[in-house]
């Protein structure tokens, strides 16, 4: 197995780690429902799937079985 010949300095280690950052997700408010959602993503609201303010899909309610 490979082993490092020299110990990597803390400066070089920290330079490498500068790219790992926590990012706040960008949220948009839907004009139709007023719900917050991620940009460029469809979102469910009251059994309906919305994208850009329009209904894309409606969830079908399964019939309940009688015992």
N, C-alpha and C. Protein backbone atom coordinates (compact mmCIF):
# COMPACT_ATOMS: atom_id res chain seq x y z
N UNK A 1 0.83 -1.19 0.00
CA UNK A 1 0.00 0.00 0.00
C UNK A 1 0.87 1.24 0.00
N UNK A 2 0.36 2.30 -0.60
CA UNK A 2 1.11 3.55 -0.67
C UNK A 2 1.04 4.28 0.66
N UNK A 3 2.17 4.88 1.03
CA UNK A 3 2.24 5.68 2.24
C UNK A 3 2.83 7.03 1.88
N UNK A 4 2.35 8.10 2.50
CA UNK A 4 2.92 9.41 2.19
C UNK A 4 4.36 9.52 2.70
N UNK A 5 5.20 10.13 1.89
CA UNK A 5 6.60 10.27 2.28
C UNK A 5 6.76 11.36 3.33
N UNK A 6 5.96 12.41 3.21
CA UNK A 6 6.01 13.52 4.16
C UNK A 6 4.60 13.80 4.67
N UNK A 7 4.54 14.33 5.87
CA UNK A 7 3.25 14.71 6.43
C UNK A 7 2.73 15.94 5.69
N UNK A 8 1.44 15.93 5.36
CA UNK A 8 0.86 17.08 4.67
C UNK A 8 0.58 18.17 5.69
N UNK A 9 0.98 19.39 5.36
CA UNK A 9 0.83 20.50 6.30
C UNK A 9 -0.65 20.85 6.49
N UNK A 10 -0.92 21.50 7.61
CA UNK A 10 -2.31 21.89 7.90
C UNK A 10 -2.81 22.92 6.90
N UNK A 11 -1.92 23.73 6.35
CA UNK A 11 -2.31 24.72 5.35
C UNK A 11 -2.80 24.03 4.08
N UNK A 12 -2.06 23.04 3.62
CA UNK A 12 -2.47 22.31 2.41
C UNK A 12 -3.75 21.54 2.65
N UNK A 13 -3.89 20.99 3.84
CA UNK A 13 -5.12 20.26 4.19
C UNK A 13 -6.31 21.21 4.17
N UNK A 14 -6.13 22.39 4.76
CA UNK A 14 -7.23 23.35 4.84
C UNK A 14 -7.58 23.94 3.47
N UNK A 15 -6.58 24.11 2.61
CA UNK A 15 -6.86 24.59 1.26
C UNK A 15 -7.74 23.60 0.51
N UNK A 16 -7.49 22.33 0.71
CA UNK A 16 -8.29 21.30 0.06
C UNK A 16 -9.73 21.32 0.57
N UNK A 17 -9.90 21.60 1.84
CA UNK A 17 -11.23 21.54 2.46
C UNK A 17 -12.06 22.81 2.25
N UNK A 18 -11.49 23.84 1.63
CA UNK A 18 -12.26 25.08 1.45
C UNK A 18 -13.45 24.89 0.53
N UNK A 19 -13.44 23.87 -0.30
CA UNK A 19 -14.51 23.67 -1.27
C UNK A 19 -15.72 22.98 -0.66
N UNK A 20 -15.60 22.41 0.52
CA UNK A 20 -16.72 21.74 1.17
C UNK A 20 -17.46 22.76 2.01
N UNK A 21 -18.61 23.21 1.51
CA UNK A 21 -19.36 24.26 2.20
C UNK A 21 -20.81 23.84 2.33
N UNK A 22 -21.45 24.35 3.36
CA UNK A 22 -22.89 24.16 3.51
C UNK A 22 -23.59 25.23 2.68
N UNK A 23 -24.57 24.82 1.90
CA UNK A 23 -25.26 25.74 1.01
C UNK A 23 -26.72 25.84 1.45
N UNK A 24 -27.22 27.07 1.52
CA UNK A 24 -28.62 27.28 1.85
C UNK A 24 -29.44 27.03 0.58
N UNK A 25 -30.45 26.17 0.65
CA UNK A 25 -31.23 25.89 -0.56
C UNK A 25 -32.05 27.11 -0.99
N UNK A 26 -32.13 27.32 -2.31
CA UNK A 26 -32.91 28.44 -2.83
C UNK A 26 -34.38 28.03 -2.88
N UNK A 27 -35.21 28.82 -2.24
CA UNK A 27 -36.64 28.52 -2.19
C UNK A 27 -37.42 29.54 -2.99
N UNK A 28 -38.48 29.07 -3.63
CA UNK A 28 -39.38 29.93 -4.39
C UNK A 28 -40.77 29.78 -3.81
N UNK A 29 -41.56 30.83 -3.94
CA UNK A 29 -42.95 30.78 -3.48
C UNK A 29 -43.84 30.57 -4.69
N UNK A 30 -44.65 29.52 -4.64
CA UNK A 30 -45.54 29.21 -5.74
C UNK A 30 -46.66 30.24 -5.81
N UNK A 31 -46.91 30.78 -6.99
CA UNK A 31 -47.94 31.81 -7.15
C UNK A 31 -49.34 31.26 -6.93
N UNK A 32 -49.56 30.00 -7.27
CA UNK A 32 -50.89 29.41 -7.15
C UNK A 32 -51.21 29.01 -5.72
N UNK A 33 -50.31 28.25 -5.10
CA UNK A 33 -50.58 27.70 -3.76
C UNK A 33 -49.99 28.53 -2.64
N UNK A 34 -48.97 29.32 -2.93
CA UNK A 34 -48.30 30.11 -1.89
C UNK A 34 -47.34 29.30 -1.06
N UNK A 35 -47.05 28.08 -1.49
CA UNK A 35 -46.16 27.19 -0.75
C UNK A 35 -44.71 27.39 -1.19
N UNK A 36 -43.78 27.25 -0.25
CA UNK A 36 -42.36 27.34 -0.59
C UNK A 36 -41.88 26.00 -1.12
N UNK A 37 -41.05 26.04 -2.16
CA UNK A 37 -40.49 24.83 -2.75
C UNK A 37 -39.15 25.16 -3.37
N UNK A 38 -38.39 24.12 -3.72
CA UNK A 38 -37.10 24.31 -4.37
C UNK A 38 -37.30 24.75 -5.82
N UNK A 39 -36.39 25.59 -6.30
CA UNK A 39 -36.44 26.03 -7.69
C UNK A 39 -36.32 24.83 -8.63
N UNK A 40 -36.99 24.90 -9.77
CA UNK A 40 -36.92 23.89 -10.83
C UNK A 40 -37.33 22.51 -10.34
N UNK A 41 -38.20 22.44 -9.35
CA UNK A 41 -38.68 21.16 -8.84
C UNK A 41 -40.20 21.22 -8.72
N UNK A 42 -40.84 20.12 -9.03
CA UNK A 42 -42.28 20.01 -8.81
C UNK A 42 -42.51 19.74 -7.33
N UNK A 43 -43.68 20.14 -6.82
CA UNK A 43 -43.97 19.90 -5.41
C UNK A 43 -45.43 19.51 -5.24
N UNK A 44 -45.68 18.67 -4.22
CA UNK A 44 -47.03 18.21 -3.91
C UNK A 44 -47.71 19.20 -2.99
N UNK A 45 -48.99 19.45 -3.24
CA UNK A 45 -49.81 20.29 -2.37
C UNK A 45 -51.24 19.79 -2.45
N UNK A 46 -51.74 19.30 -1.32
CA UNK A 46 -53.11 18.78 -1.21
C UNK A 46 -53.43 17.75 -2.27
N UNK A 47 -52.53 16.79 -2.47
CA UNK A 47 -52.77 15.68 -3.40
C UNK A 47 -52.57 16.01 -4.86
N UNK A 48 -52.03 17.19 -5.16
CA UNK A 48 -51.79 17.57 -6.55
C UNK A 48 -50.33 17.96 -6.71
N UNK A 49 -49.77 17.59 -7.86
CA UNK A 49 -48.38 17.90 -8.16
C UNK A 49 -48.34 19.17 -9.01
N UNK A 50 -47.64 20.19 -8.49
CA UNK A 50 -47.56 21.49 -9.17
C UNK A 50 -46.15 21.70 -9.72
N UNK A 51 -46.08 22.33 -10.90
CA UNK A 51 -44.81 22.78 -11.46
C UNK A 51 -45.06 24.08 -12.19
N UNK A 52 -44.36 25.12 -11.79
CA UNK A 52 -44.49 26.47 -12.35
C UNK A 52 -45.93 26.97 -12.29
N UNK A 53 -46.61 26.68 -11.17
CA UNK A 53 -47.95 27.19 -10.93
C UNK A 53 -49.07 26.41 -11.60
N UNK A 54 -48.74 25.34 -12.31
CA UNK A 54 -49.76 24.56 -13.00
C UNK A 54 -49.81 23.15 -12.43
N UNK A 55 -51.01 22.55 -12.47
CA UNK A 55 -51.17 21.18 -11.99
C UNK A 55 -50.63 20.23 -13.06
N UNK A 56 -49.70 19.38 -12.65
CA UNK A 56 -49.11 18.42 -13.56
C UNK A 56 -49.78 17.06 -13.40
N UNK A 57 -50.08 16.71 -12.15
CA UNK A 57 -50.61 15.38 -11.86
C UNK A 57 -51.53 15.48 -10.66
N UNK A 58 -52.61 14.72 -10.69
CA UNK A 58 -53.49 14.64 -9.53
C UNK A 58 -53.41 13.24 -8.97
N UNK A 59 -53.28 13.15 -7.66
CA UNK A 59 -53.16 11.86 -6.99
C UNK A 59 -54.53 11.21 -6.91
N UNK A 60 -54.61 9.95 -7.36
CA UNK A 60 -55.87 9.23 -7.29
C UNK A 60 -56.02 8.59 -5.92
N UNK A 61 -57.19 8.74 -5.35
CA UNK A 61 -57.45 8.15 -4.04
C UNK A 61 -57.94 6.73 -4.26
N UNK A 62 -57.26 5.77 -3.62
CA UNK A 62 -57.63 4.37 -3.76
C UNK A 62 -58.94 4.11 -3.04
N UNK A 63 -59.78 3.27 -3.65
CA UNK A 63 -61.06 2.92 -3.03
C UNK A 63 -60.81 2.07 -1.79
N UNK A 64 -61.52 2.36 -0.71
CA UNK A 64 -61.34 1.60 0.52
C UNK A 64 -62.11 0.29 0.43
N UNK A 65 -61.51 -0.74 0.95
CA UNK A 65 -62.14 -2.06 0.94
C UNK A 65 -63.08 -2.19 2.12
N UNK A 66 -64.25 -2.76 1.86
CA UNK A 66 -65.21 -2.99 2.93
C UNK A 66 -65.06 -4.41 3.44
N UNK A 67 -64.98 -4.57 4.75
CA UNK A 67 -64.83 -5.91 5.34
C UNK A 67 -66.14 -6.44 5.82
